[in-house]
Amino acid sequence: MNYRSSKNINTQVVWVCMALTLVLQVVNCSPPNRSLMLLSHHLTKRSFFDIQCKGVYDKSIFARLDRICEDCYNLFREPQLHSLCRKNCFTTDYFKGCLETLQLSDEETQIQTWIKQLHGAEPGV
């Protein structure tokens, strides 16, 4: 094997390694993985207290209400909408607006019950 063919093989190995690294980076940063990471962060017990919820922490209820805010954000793409919707344990006018926009009026009684459980008081939604 001469020097030139050895150099070509080394160059090919480097290119293959770079391509594999790029593929792995794309897979690790894909939206499903990123959204799972964001979702788990939004649904932690600390997040529950950060938005002034003082009631009983129920991850499934918290996830459902958070999903309403997430869907509303995805619809309007306003940077602050998700946090404003969740503020004060889902009792702001932004949350009410999201319920109306997403046409969830038929679920309003159930949602108020969930908010009351998380908020620890009558929500006023």
Protein backbone atom coordinates (compact mmCIF):
# COMPACT_ATOMS: atom_id res chain seq x y z
CA MET A 1 0.00 0.00 0.00
CA ASN A 2 1.45 3.31 -0.95
CA TYR A 3 1.26 6.64 0.84
CA ARG A 4 -1.44 8.10 -1.44
CA SER A 5 -3.94 5.22 -0.94
CA SER A 6 -3.28 5.30 2.81
CA LYS A 7 -4.06 9.01 2.85
CA ASN A 8 -7.33 8.43 0.91
CA ILE A 9 -8.41 5.74 3.37
CA ASN A 10 -7.66 8.00 6.33
CA THR A 11 -9.64 10.82 4.72
CA GLN A 12 -12.59 8.49 4.13
CA VAL A 13 -12.49 7.30 7.74
CA VAL A 14 -12.53 10.91 8.96
CA TRP A 15 -15.51 11.73 6.71
CA VAL A 16 -17.43 8.67 7.92
CA CYS A 17 -16.75 9.59 11.54
CA MET A 18 -17.90 13.16 10.93
CA ALA A 19 -21.06 11.95 9.21
CA LEU A 20 -21.87 9.59 12.09
CA THR A 21 -21.29 12.35 14.61
CA LEU A 22 -23.61 14.65 12.69
CA VAL A 23 -26.33 11.98 12.52
CA LEU A 24 -26.05 11.35 16.27
CA GLN A 25 -26.31 15.07 16.99
CA VAL A 26 -29.43 15.39 14.85
CA VAL A 27 -31.05 12.38 16.54
CA ASN A 28 -30.27 13.69 20.03
CA CYS A 29 -31.62 17.17 19.27
CA SER A 30 -34.74 16.09 17.41
CA PRO A 31 -38.04 17.71 18.45
CA PRO A 32 -39.50 14.57 20.10
CA ASN A 33 -36.54 14.28 22.46
CA ARG A 34 -36.43 18.02 23.08
CA SER A 35 -40.15 18.22 23.77
CA LEU A 36 -39.96 15.29 26.18
CA MET A 37 -37.20 17.07 28.02
CA LEU A 38 -39.20 20.30 28.11
CA LEU A 39 -42.35 18.46 29.10
CA SER A 40 -40.67 16.74 32.02
CA HIS A 41 -39.25 20.08 33.16
CA HIS A 42 -42.66 21.80 33.00
CA LEU A 43 -44.31 19.03 34.97
CA THR A 44 -41.94 18.78 37.90
CA LYS A 45 -43.16 19.42 41.40
CA ARG A 46 -40.92 22.47 41.57
CA SER A 47 -42.67 23.91 38.53
CA PHE A 48 -45.96 23.30 40.36
CA PHE A 49 -44.84 25.54 43.21
CA ASP A 50 -43.16 28.07 40.91
CA ILE A 51 -46.55 29.01 39.44
CA GLN A 52 -48.04 29.49 42.94
CA CYS A 53 -50.03 26.26 43.14
CA LYS A 54 -50.70 25.57 46.81
CA GLY A 55 -53.05 22.61 46.57
CA VAL A 56 -52.48 18.91 45.97
CA TYR A 57 -49.90 18.06 43.30
CA ASP A 58 -51.30 15.61 40.76
CA LYS A 59 -48.96 15.13 37.82
CA SER A 60 -51.65 13.94 35.40
CA ILE A 61 -53.93 16.92 36.12
CA PHE A 62 -50.99 19.31 36.00
CA ALA A 63 -49.97 17.79 32.66
CA ARG A 64 -53.48 18.22 31.23
CA LEU A 65 -53.70 21.88 32.22
CA ASP A 66 -50.16 22.53 31.03
CA ARG A 67 -51.07 20.93 27.71
CA ILE A 68 -53.87 23.47 27.27
CA CYS A 69 -51.31 26.28 27.67
CA GLU A 70 -48.88 24.52 25.35
CA ASP A 71 -51.55 24.07 22.66
CA CYS A 72 -52.48 27.73 22.99
CA TYR A 73 -48.83 28.76 22.64
CA ASN A 74 -48.44 26.52 19.58
CA LEU A 75 -51.45 28.21 18.02
CA PHE A 76 -50.31 31.82 18.53
CA ARG A 77 -46.52 31.45 18.91
CA GLU A 78 -46.31 34.37 21.33
CA PRO A 79 -43.13 33.91 23.41
CA GLN A 80 -44.68 34.74 26.81
CA LEU A 81 -48.06 33.09 26.28
CA HIS A 82 -47.20 29.71 27.81
CA SER A 83 -45.95 31.20 31.08
CA LEU A 84 -48.77 33.77 31.26
CA CYS A 85 -51.32 31.01 30.74
CA ARG A 86 -49.84 28.96 33.62
CA LYS A 87 -49.33 31.94 35.93
CA ASN A 88 -51.05 31.87 39.34
CA CYS A 89 -51.80 28.18 38.92
CA PHE A 90 -53.84 28.48 35.72
CA THR A 91 -56.15 31.23 37.06
CA THR A 92 -55.29 34.15 34.74
CA ASP A 93 -57.37 35.66 31.98
CA TYR A 94 -54.82 34.20 29.57
CA PHE A 95 -55.82 30.70 30.65
CA LYS A 96 -59.50 31.60 30.23
CA GLY A 97 -58.73 32.95 26.77
CA CYS A 98 -56.92 29.75 25.86
CA LEU A 99 -59.93 27.68 26.97
CA GLU A 100 -62.17 29.76 24.72
CA THR A 101 -59.75 29.74 21.80
CA LEU A 102 -59.26 25.97 21.99
CA GLN A 103 -63.05 25.55 22.30
CA LEU A 104 -62.89 23.67 25.59
CA SER A 105 -66.02 25.25 27.06
CA ASP A 106 -67.71 21.86 27.34
CA GLU A 107 -64.90 20.73 29.69
CA GLU A 108 -64.90 23.91 31.77
CA THR A 109 -66.56 22.36 34.84
CA GLN A 110 -64.02 19.54 34.97
CA ILE A 111 -61.15 21.96 34.37
CA GLN A 112 -62.35 24.22 37.21
CA THR A 113 -62.39 21.19 39.52
CA TRP A 114 -58.83 20.34 38.52
CA ILE A 115 -57.66 23.92 39.03
CA LYS A 116 -59.31 24.02 42.45
CA GLN A 117 -57.44 20.86 43.43
CA LEU A 118 -54.09 22.25 42.26
CA HIS A 119 -54.67 25.83 43.36
CA GLY A 120 -55.96 24.88 46.79
CA ALA A 121 -58.84 27.38 46.61
CA GLU A 122 -61.73 28.40 44.40
CA PRO A 123 -60.03 29.29 41.10
CA GLY A 124 -62.40 31.91 39.78
CA VAL A 125 -61.83 30.71 36.20
